[in-house]
Amino acid sequence: MRNFAADLHIHSLLSPCAAVEMTPRNIVWHAAAKKLDVIAITDHNACDNVAAALVAAQDAGITVLPGMEVETREEAHFIVLFDKMRQLKEWERFVAAHRPLLKNNDEKFGAQFIVDAEDNFAGIKEELLLCSLTINAAQLSAKVRELEGLLIASHVDRPAYSIISQLGFIPPDLALDAVEVSRRIKRNEAAIRVPVIGNYPVVTASDAHTIEDFVSGPMVNFFLAEPTVAEIRQALLGVNGRKVTEIVSS
């Protein structure tokens, strides 16, 4: 077993709020320069650039966990991670079935670009992605568990778009693997400043929307046998010798 440096919350240029420089290949290149071992591409309510990131990372020695950042009916954000693209594709079908049938307004929200592994333009996602799904957090949790994914509550210290900002608490039927705190707060301060997180495992990530966000952003170190969802889940629980060894703040 060894340490794996990870950033599990990164937006590509598919997310309308992300810069056009956030292409899969560029993200992978900067991940290698930052000496990351594991990254996750987690665009808003979609995953069209994840496959390109997987291809781009093949020769870089970096594991890309297929993922997505989802907004539930409560307007709360969650990171969902899987080991395989087939799991993510099934998750994508579930999300698409619960996404409002609205078109994106490029001028208001930003364009939603799809590219290939060489960062060549492949298309534009026309569906509105910056929106709440019709499912609630409990329904999201149940589906993630069914697909054997990892569920992390996004940026729980932020004043908007987190489960705590929206509800003021974490529902007991929400099967979270961890909570994420933003770069604005240190891990050892989290339980004091956000006491409702209780004893949930705490991680951090860049939540990068620009390369500067990514390069300067925080990351987490896991002690694992291999970079998989099952291993990360054990590390978050601190069992079988797996553990979170360090959270590196920006």
C-alpha atoms as a PDB file:
ATOM      1  CA  MET A   1       0.000   0.000   0.000  1.00  0.00           C
ATOM      2  CA  ARG A   2       1.091   3.595  -0.520  1.00  0.00           C
ATOM      3  CA  ASN A   3      -0.054   7.197  -0.489  1.00  0.00           C
ATOM      4  CA  PHE A   4      -2.181   8.477  -3.366  1.00  0.00           C
ATOM      5  CA  ALA A   5      -2.585  12.234  -3.825  1.00  0.00           C
ATOM      6  CA  ALA A   6      -6.097  13.009  -5.045  1.00  0.00           C
ATOM      7  CA  ASP A   7      -8.336  15.846  -6.209  1.00  0.00           C
ATOM      8  CA  LEU A   8     -11.863  14.484  -6.465  1.00  0.00           C
ATOM      9  CA  HIS A   9     -13.757  17.602  -7.571  1.00  0.00           C
ATOM     10  CA  ILE A  10     -12.708  19.160 -10.890  1.00  0.00           C
ATOM     11  CA  HIS A  11     -14.875  20.809 -13.548  1.00  0.00           C
ATOM     12  CA  SER A  12     -14.153  20.615 -17.250  1.00  0.00           C
ATOM     13  CA  LEU A  13     -15.334  23.099 -19.843  1.00  0.00           C
ATOM     14  CA  LEU A  14     -18.576  21.105 -20.077  1.00  0.00           C
ATOM     15  CA  SER A  15     -19.648  22.940 -16.925  1.00  0.00           C
ATOM     16  CA  PRO A  16     -20.890  26.339 -18.123  1.00  0.00           C
ATOM     17  CA  CYS A  17     -19.221  28.061 -15.167  1.00  0.00           C
ATOM     18  CA  ALA A  18     -15.786  26.629 -16.059  1.00  0.00           C
ATOM     19  CA  ALA A  19     -13.145  28.265 -18.242  1.00  0.00           C
ATOM     20  CA  VAL A  20     -12.471  26.968 -21.765  1.00  0.00           C
ATOM     21  CA  GLU A  21      -8.927  26.089 -20.649  1.00  0.00           C
ATOM     22  CA  MET A  22     -10.414  23.272 -18.520  1.00  0.00           C
ATOM     23  CA  THR A  23     -10.055  20.629 -21.208  1.00  0.00           C
ATOM     24  CA  PRO A  24      -9.474  16.985 -20.263  1.00  0.00           C
ATOM     25  CA  ARG A  25      -5.954  16.851 -21.683  1.00  0.00           C
ATOM     26  CA  ASN A  26      -4.967  20.140 -20.060  1.00  0.00           C
ATOM     27  CA  ILE A  27      -6.368  19.004 -16.713  1.00  0.00           C
ATOM     28  CA  VAL A  28      -4.417  15.728 -16.940  1.00  0.00           C
ATOM     29  CA  TRP A  29      -1.198  17.559 -17.882  1.00  0.00           C
ATOM     30  CA  HIS A  30      -1.484  19.893 -14.903  1.00  0.00           C
ATOM     31  CA  ALA A  31      -2.432  16.965 -12.639  1.00  0.00           C
ATOM     32  CA  ALA A  32       0.804  15.241 -13.614  1.00  0.00           C
ATOM     33  CA  ALA A  33       2.767  18.441 -12.981  1.00  0.00           C
ATOM     34  CA  LYS A  34       1.141  18.695  -9.557  1.00  0.00           C
ATOM     35  CA  LYS A  35       2.083  15.045  -8.885  1.00  0.00           C
ATOM     36  CA  LEU A  36      -1.488  13.937  -8.374  1.00  0.00           C
ATOM     37  CA  ASP A  37      -2.225  10.223  -8.610  1.00  0.00           C
ATOM     38  CA  VAL A  38      -6.034  10.370  -8.753  1.00  0.00           C
ATOM     39  CA  ILE A  39      -8.424  12.944 -10.179  1.00  0.00           C
ATOM     40  CA  ALA A  40     -12.154  13.045 -10.818  1.00  0.00           C
ATOM     41  CA  ILE A  41     -13.891  15.054 -13.537  1.00  0.00           C
ATOM     42  CA  THR A  42     -17.153  16.147 -11.916  1.00  0.00           C
ATOM     43  CA  ASP A  43     -19.190  18.384 -14.187  1.00  0.00           C
ATOM     44  CA  HIS A  44     -22.620  19.710 -13.275  1.00  0.00           C
ATOM     45  CA  ASN A  45     -25.352  17.114 -13.939  1.00  0.00           C
ATOM     46  CA  ALA A  46     -23.466  15.631 -16.936  1.00  0.00           C
ATOM     47  CA  CYS A  47     -20.397  13.585 -17.801  1.00  0.00           C
ATOM     48  CA  ASP A  48     -19.695  14.042 -21.525  1.00  0.00           C
ATOM     49  CA  ASN A  49     -15.982  14.843 -21.064  1.00  0.00           C
ATOM     50  CA  VAL A  50     -15.106  12.017 -18.669  1.00  0.00           C
ATOM     51  CA  ALA A  51     -14.327   9.440 -21.371  1.00  0.00           C
ATOM     52  CA  ALA A  52     -11.914  11.897 -23.006  1.00  0.00           C
ATOM     53  CA  ALA A  53     -10.155  12.408 -19.681  1.00  0.00           C
ATOM     54  CA  LEU A  54      -9.780   8.639 -19.244  1.00  0.00           C
ATOM     55  CA  VAL A  55      -8.080   8.373 -22.641  1.00  0.00           C
ATOM     56  CA  ALA A  56      -5.926  11.451 -22.037  1.00  0.00           C
ATOM     57  CA  ALA A  57      -4.700   9.992 -18.736  1.00  0.00           C
ATOM     58  CA  GLN A  58      -3.703   6.572 -20.087  1.00  0.00           C
ATOM     59  CA  ASP A  59      -0.017   7.443 -20.510  1.00  0.00           C
ATOM     60  CA  ALA A  60       0.195   9.929 -17.650  1.00  0.00           C
ATOM     61  CA  GLY A  61       0.166   7.499 -14.730  1.00  0.00           C
ATOM     62  CA  ILE A  62      -2.984   9.126 -13.365  1.00  0.00           C
ATOM     63  CA  THR A  63      -6.223   7.397 -12.426  1.00  0.00           C
ATOM     64  CA  VAL A  64      -9.392   9.221 -13.477  1.00  0.00           C
ATOM     65  CA  LEU A  65     -12.439   8.270 -11.443  1.00  0.00           C
ATOM     66  CA  PRO A  66     -15.612   8.752 -13.508  1.00  0.00           C
ATOM     67  CA  GLY A  67     -17.806  11.229 -11.691  1.00  0.00           C
ATOM     68  CA  MET A  68     -20.349  14.019 -11.648  1.00  0.00           C
ATOM     69  CA  GLU A  69     -21.468  16.872  -9.405  1.00  0.00           C
ATOM     70  CA  VAL A  70     -25.208  16.639  -8.999  1.00  0.00           C
ATOM     71  CA  GLU A  71     -27.701  19.229  -7.782  1.00  0.00           C
ATOM     72  CA  THR A  72     -30.713  17.749  -5.997  1.00  0.00           C
ATOM     73  CA  ARG A  73     -34.195  19.155  -5.571  1.00  0.00           C
ATOM     74  CA  GLU A  74     -33.026  20.864  -2.369  1.00  0.00           C
ATOM     75  CA  GLU A  75     -30.469  22.836  -4.474  1.00  0.00           C
ATOM     76  CA  ALA A  76     -27.689  20.962  -2.703  1.00  0.00           C
ATOM     77  CA  HIS A  77     -24.575  19.725  -4.520  1.00  0.00           C
ATOM     78  CA  PHE A  78     -23.090  16.233  -4.211  1.00  0.00           C
ATOM     79  CA  ILE A  79     -20.059  14.541  -5.736  1.00  0.00           C
ATOM     80  CA  VAL A  80     -20.774  11.075  -7.127  1.00  0.00           C
ATOM     81  CA  LEU A  81     -17.820   8.835  -8.068  1.00  0.00           C
ATOM     82  CA  PHE A  82     -17.532   5.419  -9.700  1.00  0.00           C
ATOM     83  CA  ASP A  83     -14.816   3.007 -10.818  1.00  0.00           C
ATOM     84  CA  LYS A  84     -16.147   2.265 -14.289  1.00  0.00           C
ATOM     85  CA  MET A  85     -17.644   4.219 -17.160  1.00  0.00           C
ATOM     86  CA  ARG A  86     -20.490   1.696 -17.414  1.00  0.00           C
ATOM     87  CA  GLN A  87     -21.559   2.674 -13.895  1.00  0.00           C
ATOM     88  CA  LEU A  88     -21.340   6.359 -14.758  1.00  0.00           C
ATOM     89  CA  LYS A  89     -23.318   5.820 -17.960  1.00  0.00           C
ATOM     90  CA  GLU A  90     -26.110   4.166 -16.011  1.00  0.00           C
ATOM     91  CA  TRP A  91     -25.975   7.045 -13.529  1.00  0.00           C
ATOM     92  CA  GLU A  92     -26.089   9.529 -16.427  1.00  0.00           C
ATOM     93  CA  ARG A  93     -29.290   7.942 -17.722  1.00  0.00           C
ATOM     94  CA  PHE A  94     -30.815   8.279 -14.264  1.00  0.00           C
ATOM     95  CA  VAL A  95     -29.804  11.953 -14.043  1.00  0.00           C
ATOM     96  CA  ALA A  96     -31.035  12.740 -17.554  1.00  0.00           C
ATOM     97  CA  ALA A  97     -34.440  11.271 -16.701  1.00  0.00           C
ATOM     98  CA  HIS A  98     -34.711  13.675 -13.760  1.00  0.00           C
ATOM     99  CA  ARG A  99     -33.212  16.785 -15.358  1.00  0.00           C
ATOM    100  CA  PRO A 100     -35.662  19.532 -16.400  1.00  0.00           C
ATOM    101  CA  LEU A 101     -36.291  19.693 -20.142  1.00  0.00           C
ATOM    102  CA  LEU A 102     -34.738  23.131 -20.583  1.00  0.00           C
ATOM    103  CA  LYS A 103     -32.166  24.443 -23.041  1.00  0.00           C
ATOM    104  CA  ASN A 104     -29.031  26.212 -21.892  1.00  0.00           C
ATOM    105  CA  ASN A 105     -28.692  29.954 -22.431  1.00  0.00           C
ATOM    106  CA  ASP A 106     -25.049  30.344 -23.464  1.00  0.00           C
ATOM    107  CA  GLU A 107     -25.045  34.105 -23.051  1.00  0.00           C
ATOM    108  CA  LYS A 108     -26.477  33.937 -19.531  1.00  0.00           C
ATOM    109  CA  PHE A 109     -24.819  30.832 -18.089  1.00  0.00           C
ATOM    110  CA  GLY A 110     -21.894  30.073 -20.411  1.00  0.00           C
ATOM    111  CA  ALA A 111     -21.320  27.488 -23.114  1.00  0.00           C
ATOM    112  CA  GLN A 112     -21.173  23.764 -22.371  1.00  0.00           C
ATOM    113  CA  PHE A 113     -18.365  22.374 -24.547  1.00  0.00           C
ATOM    114  CA  ILE A 114     -17.674  18.719 -25.311  1.00  0.00           C
ATOM    115  CA  VAL A 115     -14.161  17.821 -26.524  1.00  0.00           C
ATOM    116  CA  ASP A 116     -12.192  14.673 -27.328  1.00  0.00           C
ATOM    117  CA  ALA A 117      -9.036  13.312 -25.699  1.00  0.00           C
ATOM    118  CA  GLU A 118      -6.899  15.607 -27.883  1.00  0.00           C
ATOM    119  CA  ASP A 119      -8.978  18.606 -26.772  1.00  0.00           C
ATOM    120  CA  ASN A 120     -10.547  18.956 -30.197  1.00  0.00           C
ATOM    121  CA  PHE A 121     -14.048  20.436 -30.277  1.00  0.00           C
ATOM    122  CA  ALA A 122     -16.672  17.685 -30.465  1.00  0.00           C
ATOM    123  CA  GLY A 123     -19.929  19.502 -29.745  1.00  0.00           C
ATOM    124  CA  ILE A 124     -22.011  21.631 -27.427  1.00  0.00           C
ATOM    125  CA  LYS A 125     -24.338  20.249 -24.770  1.00  0.00           C
ATOM    126  CA  GLU A 126     -27.648  21.977 -25.357  1.00  0.00           C
ATOM    127  CA  GLU A 127     -29.515  20.885 -22.229  1.00  0.00           C
ATOM    128  CA  LEU A 128     -29.406  23.249 -19.252  1.00  0.00           C
ATOM    129  CA  LEU A 129     -26.970  21.782 -16.703  1.00  0.00           C
ATOM    130  CA  LEU A 130     -27.002  24.481 -14.023  1.00  0.00           C
ATOM    131  CA  CYS A 131     -30.290  23.351 -12.532  1.00  0.00           C
ATOM    132  CA  SER A 132     -31.812  21.203  -9.815  1.00  0.00           C
ATOM    133  CA  LEU A 133     -32.868  17.661 -10.598  1.00  0.00           C
ATOM    134  CA  THR A 134     -36.321  16.468  -9.613  1.00  0.00           C
ATOM    135  CA  ILE A 135     -34.872  13.914  -7.176  1.00  0.00           C
ATOM    136  CA  ASN A 136     -34.136  14.689  -3.541  1.00  0.00           C
ATOM    137  CA  ALA A 137     -30.960  13.874  -1.623  1.00  0.00           C
ATOM    138  CA  ALA A 138     -32.325  10.628  -0.195  1.00  0.00           C
ATOM    139  CA  GLN A 139     -33.280   9.359  -3.669  1.00  0.00           C
ATOM    140  CA  LEU A 140     -29.841  10.317  -4.959  1.00  0.00           C
ATOM    141  CA  SER A 141     -28.187   8.462  -2.089  1.00  0.00           C
ATOM    142  CA  ALA A 142     -30.183   5.303  -2.710  1.00  0.00           C
ATOM    143  CA  LYS A 143     -29.320   5.232  -6.423  1.00  0.00           C
ATOM    144  CA  VAL A 144     -25.612   5.814  -5.791  1.00  0.00           C
ATOM    145  CA  ARG A 145     -25.600   2.909  -3.346  1.00  0.00           C
ATOM    146  CA  GLU A 146     -27.407   0.714  -5.878  1.00  0.00           C
ATOM    147  CA  LEU A 147     -24.654   1.444  -8.420  1.00  0.00           C
ATOM    148  CA  GLU A 148     -21.879   0.956  -5.820  1.00  0.00           C
ATOM    149  CA  GLY A 149     -20.658   4.516  -6.115  1.00  0.00           C
ATOM    150  CA  LEU A 150     -19.130   6.931  -3.622  1.00  0.00           C
ATOM    151  CA  LEU A 151     -21.195   9.876  -2.344  1.00  0.00           C
ATOM    152  CA  ILE A 152     -19.667  13.071  -0.956  1.00  0.00           C
ATOM    153  CA  ALA A 153     -21.591  16.172   0.119  1.00  0.00           C
ATOM    154  CA  SER A 154     -19.992  19.109  -1.707  1.00  0.00           C
ATOM    155  CA  HIS A 155     -18.480  22.184   0.017  1.00  0.00           C
ATOM    156  CA  VAL A 156     -20.564  21.881   3.190  1.00  0.00           C
ATOM    157  CA  ASP A 157     -19.060  25.085   4.623  1.00  0.00           C
ATOM    158  CA  ARG A 158     -20.346  27.275   1.798  1.00  0.00           C
ATOM    159  CA  PRO A 159     -23.386  29.533   2.302  1.00  0.00           C
ATOM    160  CA  ALA A 160     -25.158  28.193  -0.785  1.00  0.00           C
ATOM    161  CA  TYR A 161     -25.600  24.952  -2.726  1.00  0.00           C
ATOM    162  CA  SER A 162     -24.639  22.656   0.130  1.00  0.00           C
ATOM    163  CA  ILE A 163     -26.844  20.248   2.066  1.00  0.00           C
ATOM    164  CA  ILE A 164     -26.209  22.236   5.243  1.00  0.00           C
ATOM    165  CA  SER A 165     -26.879  25.670   3.737  1.00  0.00           C
ATOM    166  CA  GLN A 166     -30.122  24.368   2.277  1.00  0.00           C
ATOM    167  CA  LEU A 167     -31.448  22.232   5.140  1.00  0.00           C
ATOM    168  CA  GLY A 168     -29.345  23.209   8.145  1.00  0.00           C
ATOM    169  CA  PHE A 169     -28.589  19.556   8.895  1.00  0.00           C
ATOM    170  CA  ILE A 170     -27.649  16.250   7.274  1.00  0.00           C
ATOM    171  CA  PRO A 171     -30.667  13.928   7.025  1.00  0.00           C
ATOM    172  CA  PRO A 172     -30.068  10.632   8.866  1.00  0.00           C
ATOM    173  CA  ASP A 173     -31.220   8.606   5.854  1.00  0.00           C
ATOM    174  CA  LEU A 174     -28.497  10.131   3.660  1.00  0.00           C
ATOM    175  CA  ALA A 175     -25.773   7.502   3.207  1.00  0.00           C
ATOM    176  CA  LEU A 176     -22.807   9.822   2.810  1.00  0.00           C
ATOM    177  CA  ASP A 177     -19.278   8.471   2.534  1.00  0.00           C
ATOM    178  CA  ALA A 178     -17.778  11.878   3.389  1.00  0.00           C
ATOM    179  CA  VAL A 179     -18.329  15.611   3.467  1.00  0.00           C
ATOM    180  CA  GLU A 180     -16.162  18.003   1.517  1.00  0.00           C
ATOM    181  CA  VAL A 181     -14.955  21.328   2.867  1.00  0.00           C
ATOM    182  CA  SER A 182     -13.766  24.075   0.538  1.00  0.00           C
ATOM    183  CA  ARG A 183     -10.364  25.731   0.434  1.00  0.00           C
ATOM    184  CA  ARG A 184     -11.742  28.408   2.753  1.00  0.00           C
ATOM    185  CA  ILE A 185     -11.556  26.155   5.791  1.00  0.00           C
ATOM    186  CA  LYS A 186      -8.952  23.774   7.202  1.00  0.00           C
ATOM    187  CA  ARG A 187      -9.874  20.201   8.054  1.00  0.00           C
ATOM    188  CA  ASN A 188      -9.151  20.586  11.776  1.00  0.00           C
ATOM    189  CA  GLU A 189     -11.452  23.621  11.884  1.00  0.00           C
ATOM    190  CA  ALA A 190     -14.350  21.935  10.107  1.00  0.00           C
ATOM    191  CA  ALA A 191     -15.983  20.273  13.103  1.00  0.00           C
ATOM    192  CA  ILE A 192     -15.810  23.553  15.027  1.00  0.00           C
ATOM    193  CA  ARG A 193     -17.051  25.875  12.291  1.00  0.00           C
ATOM    194  CA  VAL A 194     -19.542  23.398  10.802  1.00  0.00           C
ATOM    195  CA  PRO A 195     -20.532  21.287  13.838  1.00  0.00           C
ATOM    196  CA  VAL A 196     -23.496  19.623  12.104  1.00  0.00           C
ATOM    197  CA  ILE A 197     -21.101  17.480  10.074  1.00  0.00           C
ATOM    198  CA  GLY A 198     -20.672  15.460  13.280  1.00  0.00           C
ATOM    199  CA  ASN A 199     -18.365  12.496  12.816  1.00  0.00           C
ATOM    200  CA  TYR A 200     -18.535  12.282   9.030  1.00  0.00           C
ATOM    201  CA  PRO A 201     -15.157  11.792   7.316  1.00  0.00           C
ATOM    202  CA  VAL A 202     -13.882  15.106   5.950  1.00  0.00           C
ATOM    203  CA  VAL A 203     -12.084  15.629   2.635  1.00  0.00           C
ATOM    204  CA  THR A 204     -11.216  18.630   0.536  1.00  0.00           C
ATOM    205  CA  ALA A 205     -10.731  19.302  -3.174  1.00  0.00           C
ATOM    206  CA  SER A 206     -10.030  22.156  -5.552  1.00  0.00           C
ATOM    207  CA  ASP A 207     -13.556  22.404  -7.021  1.00  0.00           C
ATOM    208  CA  ALA A 208     -11.555  23.861  -9.880  1.00  0.00           C
ATOM    209  CA  HIS A 209     -13.240  25.896 -12.595  1.00  0.00           C
ATOM    210  CA  THR A 210      -9.955  27.341 -13.916  1.00  0.00           C
ATOM    211  CA  ILE A 211      -6.439  25.975 -14.211  1.00  0.00           C
ATOM    212  CA  GLU A 212      -5.294  28.442 -11.557  1.00  0.00           C
ATOM    213  CA  ASP A 213      -7.971  27.042  -9.203  1.00  0.00           C
ATOM    214  CA  PHE A 214      -6.676  23.565  -9.949  1.00  0.00           C
ATOM    215  CA  VAL A 215      -2.965  24.264  -9.619  1.00  0.00           C
ATOM    216  CA  SER A 216      -3.335  26.253  -6.396  1.00  0.00           C
ATOM    217  CA  GLY A 217      -6.184  24.208  -4.950  1.00  0.00           C
ATOM    218  CA  PRO A 218      -6.155  21.761  -2.041  1.00  0.00           C
ATOM    219  CA  MET A 219      -5.970  17.983  -2.289  1.00  0.00           C
ATOM    220  CA  VAL A 220      -6.219  14.935  -0.062  1.00  0.00           C
ATOM    221  CA  ASN A 221      -3.795  12.042   0.456  1.00  0.00           C
ATOM    222  CA  PHE A 222      -5.128   8.510   0.862  1.00  0.00           C
ATOM    223  CA  PHE A 223      -3.166   5.443   2.013  1.00  0.00           C
ATOM    224  CA  LEU A 224      -4.501   2.686  -0.249  1.00  0.00           C
ATOM    225  CA  ALA A 225      -3.641  -0.582  -1.955  1.00  0.00           C
ATOM    226  CA  GLU A 226      -5.009   0.782  -5.250  1.00  0.00           C
ATOM    227  CA  PRO A 227      -6.946   3.869  -6.384  1.00  0.00           C
ATOM    228  CA  THR A 228     -10.500   2.522  -6.416  1.00  0.00           C
ATOM    229  CA  VAL A 229     -13.820   3.572  -4.935  1.00  0.00           C
ATOM    230  CA  ALA A 230     -13.825   0.581  -2.580  1.00  0.00           C
ATOM    231  CA  GLU A 231     -10.341   1.436  -1.305  1.00  0.00           C
ATOM    232  CA  ILE A 232     -11.207   5.113  -0.829  1.00  0.00           C
ATOM    233  CA  ARG A 233     -14.348   4.141   1.081  1.00  0.00           C
ATOM    234  CA  GLN A 234     -12.218   2.033   3.442  1.00  0.00           C
ATOM    235  CA  ALA A 235      -9.777   4.923   3.856  1.00  0.00           C
ATOM    236  CA  LEU A 236     -12.613   7.273   4.765  1.00  0.00           C
ATOM    237  CA  LEU A 237     -13.743   4.753   7.386  1.00  0.00           C
ATOM    238  CA  GLY A 238     -10.161   4.188   8.541  1.00  0.00           C
ATOM    239  CA  VAL A 239     -10.367   0.402   8.272  1.00  0.00           C
ATOM    240  CA  ASN A 240      -8.098  -2.404   7.046  1.00  0.00           C
ATOM    241  CA  GLY A 241      -5.027  -0.191   7.178  1.00  0.00           C
ATOM    242  CA  ARG A 242      -6.486   2.300   4.708  1.00  0.00           C
ATOM    243  CA  LYS A 243      -6.746   5.900   5.853  1.00  0.00           C
ATOM    244  CA  VAL A 244      -6.794   9.569   4.985  1.00  0.00           C
ATOM    245  CA  THR A 245      -3.209  10.518   5.733  1.00  0.00           C
ATOM    246  CA  GLU A 246      -3.246  14.244   5.020  1.00  0.00           C
ATOM    247  CA  ILE A 247      -5.365  17.052   3.672  1.00  0.00           C
ATOM    248  CA  VAL A 248      -3.221  19.615   1.881  1.00  0.00           C
ATOM    249  CA  SER A 249      -4.740  23.093   1.914  1.00  0.00           C
ATOM    250  CA  SER A 250      -4.078  25.697  -0.745  1.00  0.00           C
END
